Amino acid sequence: MKKLFLLLLAIGITCQLSAVDIKMLDGREFKDVTVLNKTPSGVDIQHAEGVAFLKFIEMSEDSQKQLGYSFKKELAHQKEVLDAQQQLAKKEQANKEKIAEYEKKLDLERKQNHLKNIKQKQDMLNIFMTGELFLSSDLSLIVVQGDKYLRLGGDDNLFSSEFIIPNCEVRRIEDVIQHGKTLIDSKLQEISQLEQKRTTVFEQMKLNEKTTTTTTKITGDIDAHATTTSQTRNTGAWAIIKGLNIKIQQLQQQTAELSDKLKGMEKTAWEFKVAREKLKKTKAGFISEMVEDSKFAWRERVWTERGGI
């Protein structure tokens, strides 16, 4: 089987390389040439003077037939090639148009977004410059102007949840500060009342001790029952005083913490006014440039409808 395959291959090569005569339309003749390669438009040949490429359209009709060339087939082939090139050109043109359309759309979107950002910053700046400063229930600072607001952020370390006014989602910063002052005054008053109560208990304890000593001196003997009663009363009084001291210390600590945070809130309100005045005078940029040296963390800036409060 292998020998048969090699024999057929040798016959095919011999036929392909067999010598042929080719006549050209201009009168030239190529005798006993060997066809090395065949293309749709012509053949590469080996002749006595070397290697040459002969075009089918320049050959005589007999030579064309001898080499298996058909003008109709060539036209059909050229038409296929041309159609394929045209289809490719149309596809490339369509792709270019799509890319151009897409780039045009992107450019328009970029311009629209740029204008939108400019308007958004202008709106935010307008709210910042003309709105009122509020504190929300989530400890965020909010500048409110009409039906819109600008959220400046919040700081859990700066504000206290005790400053939040009950049943009130947002409140003017001045009202919140006043509420904080009232809260601190209330705690100070409670401390004063507890201290007064502690003093009363202590004085009553001393009075009990004095009464017992006086009775003993008058009678000239020691009443064991009276002494035991006095000691029991003193032990109870000391327990009351100890409890009052703990409560007073707790209130004093709470008051000190609230006072520090109230000072921070007052400073924040002052910084807000300073930033706004600075922006009015210098017109040096947007909000972040005006408050970048502030110790208060303006953590976020959100532009939305007031319905989000």
Protein backbone atom coordinates (compact mmCIF):
# COMPACT_ATOMS: atom_id res chain seq x y z
CA MET A 1 0.00 0.00 0.00
CA LYS A 2 2.83 2.33 0.86
CA LYS A 3 4.56 1.58 -2.45
CA LEU A 4 1.35 2.36 -4.37
CA PHE A 5 1.06 5.74 -2.60
CA LEU A 6 4.66 6.64 -3.45
CA LEU A 7 4.10 5.59 -7.08
CA LEU A 8 1.03 7.80 -7.43
CA LEU A 9 2.88 10.70 -5.80
CA ALA A 10 5.77 10.31 -8.24
CA ILE A 11 3.36 10.24 -11.19
CA GLY A 12 1.65 13.45 -9.92
CA ILE A 13 4.97 15.24 -9.53
CA THR A 14 6.10 14.07 -12.98
CA CYS A 15 2.87 15.34 -14.54
CA GLN A 16 3.20 18.66 -12.78
CA LEU A 17 6.81 19.07 -13.81
CA SER A 18 6.35 17.72 -17.35
CA ALA A 19 7.62 19.93 -20.16
CA VAL A 20 5.06 22.05 -22.05
CA ASP A 21 5.11 24.59 -24.86
CA ILE A 22 3.60 28.01 -24.17
CA LYS A 23 2.73 30.59 -26.80
CA MET A 24 2.21 34.23 -25.95
CA LEU A 25 -0.06 36.72 -27.74
CA ASP A 26 2.94 38.89 -28.60
CA GLY A 27 4.52 36.01 -30.58
CA ARG A 28 6.94 34.72 -27.99
CA GLU A 29 7.20 30.99 -27.48
CA PHE A 30 8.57 29.02 -24.56
CA LYS A 31 9.53 25.49 -25.54
CA ASP A 32 9.81 22.58 -23.15
CA VAL A 33 9.25 24.73 -20.04
CA THR A 34 8.59 23.26 -16.62
CA VAL A 35 5.64 24.67 -14.66
CA LEU A 36 6.89 25.27 -11.11
CA ASN A 37 3.82 26.93 -9.61
CA LYS A 38 0.34 27.88 -10.73
CA THR A 39 -1.62 30.88 -9.46
CA PRO A 40 -5.04 32.29 -10.41
CA SER A 41 -3.35 34.91 -12.63
CA GLY A 42 -0.46 32.93 -14.16
CA VAL A 43 2.34 30.38 -13.80
CA ASP A 44 5.94 30.29 -12.65
CA ILE A 45 8.04 28.42 -15.23
CA GLN A 46 11.57 27.09 -15.55
CA HIS A 47 12.99 27.54 -19.09
CA ALA A 48 16.39 27.54 -20.73
CA GLU A 49 17.16 31.13 -19.76
CA GLY A 50 15.96 30.85 -16.16
CA VAL A 51 12.76 31.39 -14.20
CA ALA A 52 9.84 33.56 -15.35
CA PHE A 53 6.25 34.37 -14.46
CA LEU A 54 3.76 34.27 -17.35
CA LYS A 55 0.28 35.77 -17.09
CA PHE A 56 -2.65 33.79 -18.47
CA ILE A 57 -4.19 36.86 -20.14
CA GLU A 58 -1.00 37.29 -22.20
CA MET A 59 -1.06 33.66 -23.46
CA SER A 60 -2.74 32.25 -26.52
CA GLU A 61 -6.09 30.56 -26.07
CA ASP A 62 -4.60 27.10 -26.68
CA SER A 63 -1.92 27.62 -24.04
CA GLN A 64 -4.56 28.86 -21.62
CA LYS A 65 -6.63 25.71 -22.15
CA GLN A 66 -3.53 23.53 -21.89
CA LEU A 67 -2.77 25.00 -18.48
CA GLY A 68 -6.42 24.79 -17.36
CA TYR A 69 -7.08 28.52 -17.37
CA SER A 70 -10.63 29.83 -17.90
CA PHE A 71 -11.27 33.53 -18.38
CA LYS A 72 -14.80 33.15 -16.98
CA LYS A 73 -13.46 31.38 -13.90
CA GLU A 74 -10.87 34.11 -13.48
CA LEU A 75 -13.55 36.80 -13.72
CA ALA A 76 -15.66 34.92 -11.20
CA HIS A 77 -12.64 34.60 -8.90
CA GLN A 78 -11.79 38.28 -9.23
CA LYS A 79 -15.42 39.14 -8.54
CA GLU A 80 -15.34 37.02 -5.39
CA VAL A 81 -12.16 38.74 -4.27
CA LEU A 82 -13.62 42.16 -5.06
CA ASP A 83 -16.88 41.35 -3.26
CA ALA A 84 -14.94 40.16 -0.22
CA GLN A 85 -12.85 43.33 -0.25
CA GLN A 86 -15.98 45.46 -0.55
CA GLN A 87 -17.67 43.60 2.30
CA LEU A 88 -14.57 44.05 4.45
CA ALA A 89 -14.41 47.74 3.54
CA LYS A 90 -18.11 48.17 4.43
CA LYS A 91 -17.57 46.39 7.73
CA GLU A 92 -14.55 48.52 8.55
CA GLN A 93 -16.48 51.67 7.63
CA ALA A 94 -19.41 50.59 9.79
CA ASN A 95 -17.03 49.93 12.69
CA LYS A 96 -15.43 53.34 12.22
CA GLU A 97 -18.85 54.98 12.23
CA LYS A 98 -19.83 53.07 15.38
CA ILE A 99 -16.59 54.06 17.09
CA ALA A 100 -17.05 57.68 16.02
CA GLU A 101 -20.66 57.62 17.27
CA TYR A 102 -19.58 56.05 20.56
CA GLU A 103 -16.77 58.58 21.05
CA LYS A 104 -19.18 61.39 20.22
CA LYS A 105 -21.62 60.04 22.79
CA LEU A 106 -18.87 59.71 25.40
CA ASP A 107 -17.69 63.23 24.70
CA LEU A 108 -21.24 64.53 25.09
CA GLU A 109 -21.65 62.59 28.35
CA ARG A 110 -18.34 63.97 29.63
CA LYS A 111 -19.43 67.51 28.83
CA GLN A 112 -22.84 66.94 30.44
CA ASN A 113 -21.24 65.41 33.53
CA HIS A 114 -18.77 68.29 33.70
CA LEU A 115 -21.60 70.82 33.54
CA LYS A 116 -23.58 68.76 36.05
CA ASN A 117 -20.62 68.69 38.43
CA ILE A 118 -20.15 72.43 38.07
CA LYS A 119 -23.84 73.03 38.81
CA GLN A 120 -23.75 70.57 41.68
CA LYS A 121 -20.76 72.35 43.24
CA GLN A 122 -22.44 75.70 42.70
CA ASP A 123 -25.60 74.40 44.38
CA MET A 124 -23.60 72.93 47.25
CA LEU A 125 -21.64 76.14 47.62
CA ASN A 126 -24.85 78.16 47.60
CA ILE A 127 -26.33 75.97 50.34
CA PHE A 128 -23.11 76.18 52.35
CA MET A 129 -23.04 79.96 52.06
CA THR A 130 -26.71 80.71 52.77
CA GLY A 131 -28.12 77.72 54.69
CA GLU A 132 -28.50 77.14 58.42
CA LEU A 133 -26.37 74.67 60.36
CA PHE A 134 -28.28 71.72 61.86
CA LEU A 135 -27.37 68.57 63.78
CA SER A 136 -29.20 65.37 62.83
CA SER A 137 -30.07 62.40 65.00
CA ASP A 138 -27.11 60.44 63.57
CA LEU A 139 -24.71 63.15 64.81
CA SER A 140 -24.12 64.53 61.32
CA LEU A 141 -23.81 68.21 60.57
CA ILE A 142 -26.30 69.36 57.94
CA VAL A 143 -26.61 72.73 56.25
CA VAL A 144 -30.27 73.25 55.30
CA GLN A 145 -31.57 75.69 52.71
CA GLY A 146 -35.24 75.43 51.83
CA ASP A 147 -36.03 71.92 50.60
CA LYS A 148 -32.39 70.95 50.04
CA TYR A 149 -29.50 70.22 52.33
CA LEU A 150 -25.77 69.58 52.39
CA ARG A 151 -24.50 66.84 54.72
CA LEU A 152 -21.10 67.75 56.12
CA GLY A 153 -20.57 64.60 58.14
CA GLY A 154 -20.20 63.91 61.83
CA ASP A 155 -17.75 62.88 64.49
CA ASP A 156 -18.74 60.39 67.18
CA ASN A 157 -15.78 61.50 69.27
CA LEU A 158 -16.86 65.13 69.13
CA PHE A 159 -20.60 64.99 69.68
CA SER A 160 -22.64 63.18 72.30
CA SER A 161 -25.89 61.31 71.70
CA GLU A 162 -27.22 63.02 74.82
CA PHE A 163 -27.26 66.27 72.87
CA ILE A 164 -29.93 64.84 70.56
CA ILE A 165 -33.25 66.41 71.39
CA PRO A 166 -35.93 63.70 71.90
CA ASN A 167 -38.47 63.24 69.07
CA CYS A 168 -36.50 65.60 66.83
CA GLU A 169 -34.63 64.34 63.75
CA VAL A 170 -32.82 67.60 63.02
CA ARG A 171 -32.36 70.74 65.06
CA ARG A 172 -30.53 74.02 64.62
CA ILE A 173 -27.05 73.88 66.07
CA GLU A 174 -27.80 76.87 68.33
CA ASP A 175 -30.82 75.04 69.79
CA VAL A 176 -28.75 71.89 70.28
CA ILE A 177 -26.03 73.85 72.08
CA GLN A 178 -28.65 75.45 74.31
CA HIS A 179 -30.14 72.02 74.97
CA GLY A 180 -26.67 70.80 75.94
CA LYS A 181 -26.20 73.72 78.32
CA THR A 182 -29.59 73.01 79.90
CA LEU A 183 -28.64 69.36 80.26
CA ILE A 184 -25.36 70.26 81.96
CA ASP A 185 -27.11 72.73 84.28
CA SER A 186 -29.57 70.00 85.22
CA LYS A 187 -26.74 67.62 86.11
CA LEU A 188 -24.97 70.33 88.13
CA GLN A 189 -28.20 70.99 90.01
CA GLU A 190 -28.58 67.28 90.71
CA ILE A 191 -25.00 67.17 91.99
CA SER A 192 -25.73 70.13 94.28
CA GLN A 193 -28.82 68.43 95.67
CA LEU A 194 -26.90 65.21 96.33
CA GLU A 195 -24.09 67.12 98.02
CA GLN A 196 -26.65 68.90 100.22
CA LYS A 197 -28.24 65.57 101.11
CA ARG A 198 -24.82 64.13 101.93
CA THR A 199 -24.11 67.09 104.23
CA THR A 200 -27.47 66.64 105.98
CA VAL A 201 -26.83 62.92 106.58
CA PHE A 202 -23.34 63.64 107.90
CA GLU A 203 -24.55 66.36 110.28
CA GLN A 204 -27.35 64.11 111.54
CA MET A 205 -24.79 61.38 112.19
CA LYS A 206 -22.62 63.79 114.21
CA LEU A 207 -25.70 64.96 116.13
CA ASN A 208 -26.57 61.37 117.04
CA GLU A 209 -23.04 60.78 118.34
CA LYS A 210 -23.18 63.99 120.44
CA THR A 211 -26.58 63.11 121.93
CA THR A 212 -25.39 59.65 122.99
CA THR A 213 -22.25 61.07 124.66
CA THR A 214 -24.27 63.72 126.55
CA THR A 215 -26.76 61.15 127.88
CA THR A 216 -23.94 58.96 129.15
CA LYS A 217 -22.33 61.83 131.05
CA ILE A 218 -25.61 62.87 132.72
CA THR A 219 -26.64 59.41 133.92
CA GLY A 220 -23.12 58.50 135.00
CA ASP A 221 -23.34 55.02 133.49
CA ILE A 222 -23.16 53.51 130.02
CA ASP A 223 -26.38 52.38 128.43
CA ALA A 224 -25.38 49.43 126.22
CA HIS A 225 -28.65 49.57 124.31
CA ALA A 226 -28.22 53.28 123.45
CA THR A 227 -24.62 52.74 122.33
CA THR A 228 -25.60 49.86 120.02
CA THR A 229 -28.42 51.90 118.50
CA SER A 230 -26.05 54.82 117.84
CA GLN A 231 -23.50 52.57 116.14
CA THR A 232 -26.20 51.01 113.96
CA ARG A 233 -27.42 54.44 112.91
CA ASN A 234 -23.87 55.57 112.09
CA THR A 235 -23.22 52.47 109.97
CA GLY A 236 -26.37 53.14 107.95
CA ALA A 237 -25.45 56.80 107.57
CA TRP A 238 -21.97 55.95 106.28
CA ALA A 239 -23.52 53.57 103.73
CA ILE A 240 -25.82 56.36 102.53
CA ILE A 241 -22.89 58.80 102.29
CA LYS A 242 -20.83 56.25 100.35
CA GLY A 243 -23.67 55.73 97.87
CA LEU A 244 -24.11 59.48 97.47
CA ASN A 245 -20.38 59.93 96.83
CA ILE A 246 -20.45 57.32 94.05
CA LYS A 247 -23.47 58.97 92.42
CA ILE A 248 -21.88 62.43 92.71
CA GLN A 249 -18.63 61.21 91.13
CA GLN A 250 -20.54 59.62 88.25
CA LEU A 251 -22.48 62.82 87.61
CA GLN A 252 -19.33 64.92 87.84
CA GLN A 253 -17.61 62.71 85.25
CA GLN A 254 -20.64 62.83 82.93
CA THR A 255 -20.84 66.61 83.31
CA ALA A 256 -17.14 67.03 82.51
CA GLU A 257 -17.46 64.88 79.37
CA LEU A 258 -20.56 66.76 78.22
CA SER A 259 -18.84 70.08 78.89
CA ASP A 260 -15.87 69.07 76.73
CA LYS A 261 -18.13 67.97 73.90
CA LEU A 262 -20.25 71.07 74.22
CA LYS A 263 -17.10 73.15 73.82
CA GLY A 264 -16.27 71.08 70.73
CA MET A 265 -19.73 71.70 69.31
CA GLU A 266 -19.46 75.42 69.96
CA LYS A 267 -16.05 75.41 68.27
CA THR A 268 -17.49 73.56 65.28
CA ALA A 269 -20.28 76.11 64.91
CA TRP A 270 -17.65 78.85 65.12
CA GLU A 271 -15.43 77.12 62.53
CA PHE A 272 -18.41 76.85 60.20
CA LYS A 273 -19.01 80.60 60.42
CA VAL A 274 -15.29 81.33 59.96
CA ALA A 275 -15.11 79.07 56.90
CA ARG A 276 -18.12 80.78 55.37
CA GLU A 277 -16.74 84.26 56.05
CA LYS A 278 -13.34 83.23 54.69
CA LEU A 279 -14.96 81.93 51.53
CA LYS A 280 -16.90 85.15 51.09
CA LYS A 281 -13.75 87.25 51.37
CA THR A 282 -11.21 85.19 49.44
CA LYS A 283 -13.36 83.27 46.92
CA ALA A 284 -10.40 80.91 46.79
CA GLY A 285 -12.18 77.68 46.01
CA PHE A 286 -14.65 75.10 47.12
CA ILE A 287 -15.64 74.11 50.65
CA SER A 288 -12.82 71.62 51.22
CA GLU A 289 -10.22 74.32 50.64
CA MET A 290 -11.82 76.47 53.30
CA VAL A 291 -11.99 73.87 56.06
CA GLU A 292 -8.91 71.77 55.36
CA ASP A 293 -7.12 73.31 58.35
CA SER A 294 -10.04 72.59 60.68
CA LYS A 295 -9.66 69.87 63.29
CA PHE A 296 -13.24 68.84 62.69
CA ALA A 297 -13.55 65.96 60.19
CA TRP A 298 -15.87 66.92 57.35
CA ARG A 299 -16.20 63.27 56.42
CA GLU A 300 -18.66 63.34 53.57
CA ARG A 301 -20.41 65.74 51.25
CA VAL A 302 -23.66 64.46 49.81
CA TRP A 303 -25.98 66.38 47.51
CA THR A 304 -29.53 65.03 47.50
CA GLU A 305 -33.12 65.97 48.12
CA ARG A 306 -34.12 66.72 51.66
CA GLY A 307 -36.28 63.63 51.73
CA GLY A 308 -33.15 61.70 52.64
CA ILE A 309 -32.84 63.36 56.04
